[in-house]
Amino acid sequence: MVEKLKEKLWAFIVHNNPDVMLNLQKDYSVTHYLDEKVNGILPMVDKLLAEDKPNYIIEELALNELTADLKPSKFLYIRSVLEEEFPDDFKRLSELGVLTSEVVNLIAACMDDFEAFDFSEETYDDRHLRYAVITRVHDHLL
């Protein structure tokens, strides 16, 4: 189960947080990160196993715990802003094959705004945050 949880966590990161993926790869710390995260929830997994919970339930609960600090995804947020507010640029970046790297660059450019608005599930729909991100994206694309 440990290896399966690591695989699922990595797949989640690859699809939802490519910025985290790239940083982990750059630092050669993917294995350490995955080991540390999964080892941190093993007591919960052991408890659920002792309660005879089905494996699919254990995996779902464990993955929710493992990904809690990765949600909401800044990558998906900025990608959606780019797609909705700047469709021509979105298409151009996609066609050039640089969309992911540009969104990762935009995360860095928007980090002050994410911190100022305490980016979370609660602030995800804050229109002021969205306007701030739109402004940063606009300035970045110029």
C-alpha atoms as a PDB file:
ATOM      1  CA  MET A   1       0.000   0.000   0.000  1.00  0.00           C
ATOM      2  CA  VAL A   2       2.894   2.376   0.734  1.00  0.00           C
ATOM      3  CA  GLU A   3       4.156   2.221  -2.853  1.00  0.00           C
ATOM      4  CA  LYS A   4       0.656   2.664  -4.233  1.00  0.00           C
ATOM      5  CA  LEU A   5       0.164   5.785  -2.085  1.00  0.00           C
ATOM      6  CA  LYS A   6       3.479   7.203  -3.298  1.00  0.00           C
ATOM      7  CA  GLU A   7       2.440   6.578  -6.913  1.00  0.00           C
ATOM      8  CA  LYS A   8      -0.939   8.224  -6.395  1.00  0.00           C
ATOM      9  CA  LEU A   9       0.597  11.199  -4.614  1.00  0.00           C
ATOM     10  CA  TRP A  10       3.132  11.657  -7.405  1.00  0.00           C
ATOM     11  CA  ALA A  11       0.417  11.421 -10.053  1.00  0.00           C
ATOM     12  CA  PHE A  12      -1.595  14.052  -8.185  1.00  0.00           C
ATOM     13  CA  ILE A  13       1.426  16.363  -8.052  1.00  0.00           C
ATOM     14  CA  VAL A  14       2.238  15.877 -11.734  1.00  0.00           C
ATOM     15  CA  HIS A  15      -1.302  16.734 -12.815  1.00  0.00           C
ATOM     16  CA  ASN A  16      -2.200  19.425 -10.297  1.00  0.00           C
ATOM     17  CA  ASN A  17       1.067  20.934  -9.105  1.00  0.00           C
ATOM     18  CA  PRO A  18       3.707  20.815 -11.853  1.00  0.00           C
ATOM     19  CA  ASP A  19       5.489  23.664 -10.087  1.00  0.00           C
ATOM     20  CA  VAL A  20       6.029  21.429  -7.052  1.00  0.00           C
ATOM     21  CA  MET A  21       7.073  18.573  -9.333  1.00  0.00           C
ATOM     22  CA  LEU A  22       9.690  20.714 -11.063  1.00  0.00           C
ATOM     23  CA  ASN A  23      11.083  22.011  -7.760  1.00  0.00           C
ATOM     24  CA  LEU A  24      11.337  18.494  -6.335  1.00  0.00           C
ATOM     25  CA  GLN A  25      13.064  17.260  -9.470  1.00  0.00           C
ATOM     26  CA  LYS A  26      15.432  20.225  -9.530  1.00  0.00           C
ATOM     27  CA  ASP A  27      16.447  19.531  -5.924  1.00  0.00           C
ATOM     28  CA  TYR A  28      16.648  15.755  -6.509  1.00  0.00           C
ATOM     29  CA  SER A  29      14.258  15.339  -3.579  1.00  0.00           C
ATOM     30  CA  VAL A  30      11.292  13.508  -5.119  1.00  0.00           C
ATOM     31  CA  THR A  31      11.939  10.239  -3.290  1.00  0.00           C
ATOM     32  CA  HIS A  32      12.620  11.976   0.020  1.00  0.00           C
ATOM     33  CA  TYR A  33       9.459  14.073  -0.277  1.00  0.00           C
ATOM     34  CA  LEU A  34       7.253  11.099  -1.139  1.00  0.00           C
ATOM     35  CA  ASP A  35       8.773   8.960   1.628  1.00  0.00           C
ATOM     36  CA  GLU A  36       8.355  11.706   4.204  1.00  0.00           C
ATOM     37  CA  LYS A  37       4.758  12.464   3.242  1.00  0.00           C
ATOM     38  CA  VAL A  38       3.641   8.823   3.163  1.00  0.00           C
ATOM     39  CA  ASN A  39       5.503   7.915   6.361  1.00  0.00           C
ATOM     40  CA  GLY A  40       3.705  10.818   8.046  1.00  0.00           C
ATOM     41  CA  ILE A  41       0.288   9.261   7.462  1.00  0.00           C
ATOM     42  CA  LEU A  42       1.199   5.632   8.186  1.00  0.00           C
ATOM     43  CA  PRO A  43      -0.270   5.774  11.716  1.00  0.00           C
ATOM     44  CA  MET A  44      -3.619   6.770  10.189  1.00  0.00           C
ATOM     45  CA  VAL A  45      -3.340   3.975   7.604  1.00  0.00           C
ATOM     46  CA  ASP A  46      -2.463   1.432  10.302  1.00  0.00           C
ATOM     47  CA  LYS A  47      -5.455   2.548  12.373  1.00  0.00           C
ATOM     48  CA  LEU A  48      -7.787   2.199   9.393  1.00  0.00           C
ATOM     49  CA  LEU A  49      -6.352  -1.217   8.554  1.00  0.00           C
ATOM     50  CA  ALA A  50      -6.925  -2.301  12.160  1.00  0.00           C
ATOM     51  CA  GLU A  51     -10.547  -1.176  11.787  1.00  0.00           C
ATOM     52  CA  ASP A  52     -10.841  -3.431   8.717  1.00  0.00           C
ATOM     53  CA  LYS A  53     -11.677  -0.556   6.398  1.00  0.00           C
ATOM     54  CA  PRO A  54     -11.606  -1.489   2.697  1.00  0.00           C
ATOM     55  CA  ASN A  55      -8.380  -0.647   0.881  1.00  0.00           C
ATOM     56  CA  TYR A  56     -10.071   1.767  -1.520  1.00  0.00           C
ATOM     57  CA  ILE A  57     -11.437   3.767   1.445  1.00  0.00           C
ATOM     58  CA  ILE A  58      -8.030   3.788   3.112  1.00  0.00           C
ATOM     59  CA  GLU A  59      -6.375   4.946  -0.106  1.00  0.00           C
ATOM     60  CA  GLU A  60      -8.914   7.724  -0.607  1.00  0.00           C
ATOM     61  CA  LEU A  61      -8.610   8.995   2.967  1.00  0.00           C
ATOM     62  CA  ALA A  62      -4.829   8.739   2.843  1.00  0.00           C
ATOM     63  CA  LEU A  63      -4.617  10.589  -0.470  1.00  0.00           C
ATOM     64  CA  ASN A  64      -6.877  13.340   0.860  1.00  0.00           C
ATOM     65  CA  GLU A  65      -4.525  13.743   3.801  1.00  0.00           C
ATOM     66  CA  LEU A  66      -1.406  13.584   1.620  1.00  0.00           C
ATOM     67  CA  THR A  67      -2.672  16.253  -0.772  1.00  0.00           C
ATOM     68  CA  ALA A  68      -4.306  18.603   1.742  1.00  0.00           C
ATOM     69  CA  ASP A  69      -1.405  21.077   1.665  1.00  0.00           C
ATOM     70  CA  LEU A  70      -1.306  20.952  -2.146  1.00  0.00           C
ATOM     71  CA  LYS A  71      -4.862  22.229  -2.521  1.00  0.00           C
ATOM     72  CA  PRO A  72      -6.053  24.355  -4.062  1.00  0.00           C
ATOM     73  CA  SER A  73      -3.626  24.209  -6.936  1.00  0.00           C
ATOM     74  CA  LYS A  74      -2.022  27.531  -7.816  1.00  0.00           C
ATOM     75  CA  PHE A  75      -1.098  25.973 -11.145  1.00  0.00           C
ATOM     76  CA  LEU A  76      -4.685  25.095 -12.058  1.00  0.00           C
ATOM     77  CA  TYR A  77      -5.915  28.464 -10.772  1.00  0.00           C
ATOM     78  CA  ILE A  78      -3.541  30.467 -12.946  1.00  0.00           C
ATOM     79  CA  ARG A  79      -4.052  28.131 -15.883  1.00  0.00           C
ATOM     80  CA  SER A  80      -7.811  28.713 -15.701  1.00  0.00           C
ATOM     81  CA  VAL A  81      -7.361  32.492 -15.417  1.00  0.00           C
ATOM     82  CA  LEU A  82      -5.088  32.404 -18.443  1.00  0.00           C
ATOM     83  CA  GLU A  83      -7.512  30.239 -20.415  1.00  0.00           C
ATOM     84  CA  GLU A  84     -10.593  32.291 -19.520  1.00  0.00           C
ATOM     85  CA  GLU A  85      -9.184  35.819 -19.593  1.00  0.00           C
ATOM     86  CA  PHE A  86      -6.441  35.496 -22.202  1.00  0.00           C
ATOM     87  CA  PRO A  87      -7.672  32.792 -24.601  1.00  0.00           C
ATOM     88  CA  ASP A  88      -5.469  33.861 -27.515  1.00  0.00           C
ATOM     89  CA  ASP A  89      -2.341  33.797 -25.361  1.00  0.00           C
ATOM     90  CA  PHE A  90      -3.432  30.488 -23.844  1.00  0.00           C
ATOM     91  CA  LYS A  91      -3.786  28.978 -27.304  1.00  0.00           C
ATOM     92  CA  ARG A  92      -0.467  30.423 -28.475  1.00  0.00           C
ATOM     93  CA  LEU A  93       1.427  29.125 -25.442  1.00  0.00           C
ATOM     94  CA  SER A  94      -0.223  25.716 -25.824  1.00  0.00           C
ATOM     95  CA  GLU A  95       0.696  25.501 -29.492  1.00  0.00           C
ATOM     96  CA  LEU A  96       4.281  26.494 -28.720  1.00  0.00           C
ATOM     97  CA  GLY A  97       4.461  23.774 -26.062  1.00  0.00           C
ATOM     98  CA  VAL A  98       5.417  26.181 -23.304  1.00  0.00           C
ATOM     99  CA  LEU A  99       2.108  26.514 -21.459  1.00  0.00           C
ATOM    100  CA  THR A 100       3.214  24.559 -18.385  1.00  0.00           C
ATOM    101  CA  SER A 101       6.499  26.417 -18.007  1.00  0.00           C
ATOM    102  CA  GLU A 102       4.783  29.780 -18.470  1.00  0.00           C
ATOM    103  CA  VAL A 103       2.143  28.935 -15.860  1.00  0.00           C
ATOM    104  CA  VAL A 104       4.937  27.912 -13.473  1.00  0.00           C
ATOM    105  CA  ASN A 105       6.623  31.279 -14.137  1.00  0.00           C
ATOM    106  CA  LEU A 106       3.315  33.008 -13.473  1.00  0.00           C
ATOM    107  CA  ILE A 107       2.989  31.250 -10.119  1.00  0.00           C
ATOM    108  CA  ALA A 108       6.246  32.879  -9.065  1.00  0.00           C
ATOM    109  CA  ALA A 109       5.052  36.238 -10.403  1.00  0.00           C
ATOM    110  CA  CYS A 110       1.777  35.938  -8.472  1.00  0.00           C
ATOM    111  CA  MET A 111       3.214  34.578  -5.221  1.00  0.00           C
ATOM    112  CA  ASP A 112       2.872  37.908  -3.376  1.00  0.00           C
ATOM    113  CA  ASP A 113      -0.796  38.029  -4.330  1.00  0.00           C
ATOM    114  CA  PHE A 114      -1.366  34.424  -3.242  1.00  0.00           C
ATOM    115  CA  GLU A 115       0.230  35.227   0.100  1.00  0.00           C
ATOM    116  CA  ALA A 116      -1.594  38.544   0.530  1.00  0.00           C
ATOM    117  CA  PHE A 117      -4.950  36.858  -0.003  1.00  0.00           C
ATOM    118  CA  ASP A 118      -3.918  33.728   1.936  1.00  0.00           C
ATOM    119  CA  PHE A 119      -4.744  31.519  -1.050  1.00  0.00           C
ATOM    120  CA  SER A 120      -6.889  28.605   0.106  1.00  0.00           C
ATOM    121  CA  GLU A 121     -10.196  26.888  -0.581  1.00  0.00           C
ATOM    122  CA  GLU A 122     -11.863  29.760   1.292  1.00  0.00           C
ATOM    123  CA  THR A 123     -10.246  32.507  -0.807  1.00  0.00           C
ATOM    124  CA  TYR A 124     -10.231  30.656  -4.120  1.00  0.00           C
ATOM    125  CA  ASP A 125     -13.242  32.605  -5.437  1.00  0.00           C
ATOM    126  CA  ASP A 126     -12.177  35.991  -4.034  1.00  0.00           C
ATOM    127  CA  ARG A 127     -12.693  38.420  -6.907  1.00  0.00           C
ATOM    128  CA  HIS A 128      -9.959  40.740  -5.636  1.00  0.00           C
ATOM    129  CA  LEU A 129      -7.471  37.892  -5.791  1.00  0.00           C
ATOM    130  CA  ARG A 130      -8.623  37.099  -9.299  1.00  0.00           C
ATOM    131  CA  TYR A 131      -8.219  40.732 -10.386  1.00  0.00           C
ATOM    132  CA  ALA A 132      -4.732  40.837  -8.870  1.00  0.00           C
ATOM    133  CA  VAL A 133      -3.757  37.640 -10.704  1.00  0.00           C
ATOM    134  CA  ILE A 134      -5.262  38.916 -13.967  1.00  0.00           C
ATOM    135  CA  THR A 135      -3.145  42.064 -13.622  1.00  0.00           C
ATOM    136  CA  ARG A 136       0.024  40.048 -13.008  1.00  0.00           C
ATOM    137  CA  VAL A 137      -0.704  37.744 -15.942  1.00  0.00           C
ATOM    138  CA  HIS A 138      -1.382  40.739 -18.182  1.00  0.00           C
ATOM    139  CA  ASP A 139       1.898  42.385 -17.136  1.00  0.00           C
ATOM    140  CA  HIS A 140       3.788  39.115 -17.636  1.00  0.00           C
ATOM    141  CA  LEU A 141       2.409  38.615 -21.132  1.00  0.00           C
ATOM    142  CA  LEU A 142       3.385  42.073 -22.333  1.00  0.00           C
END
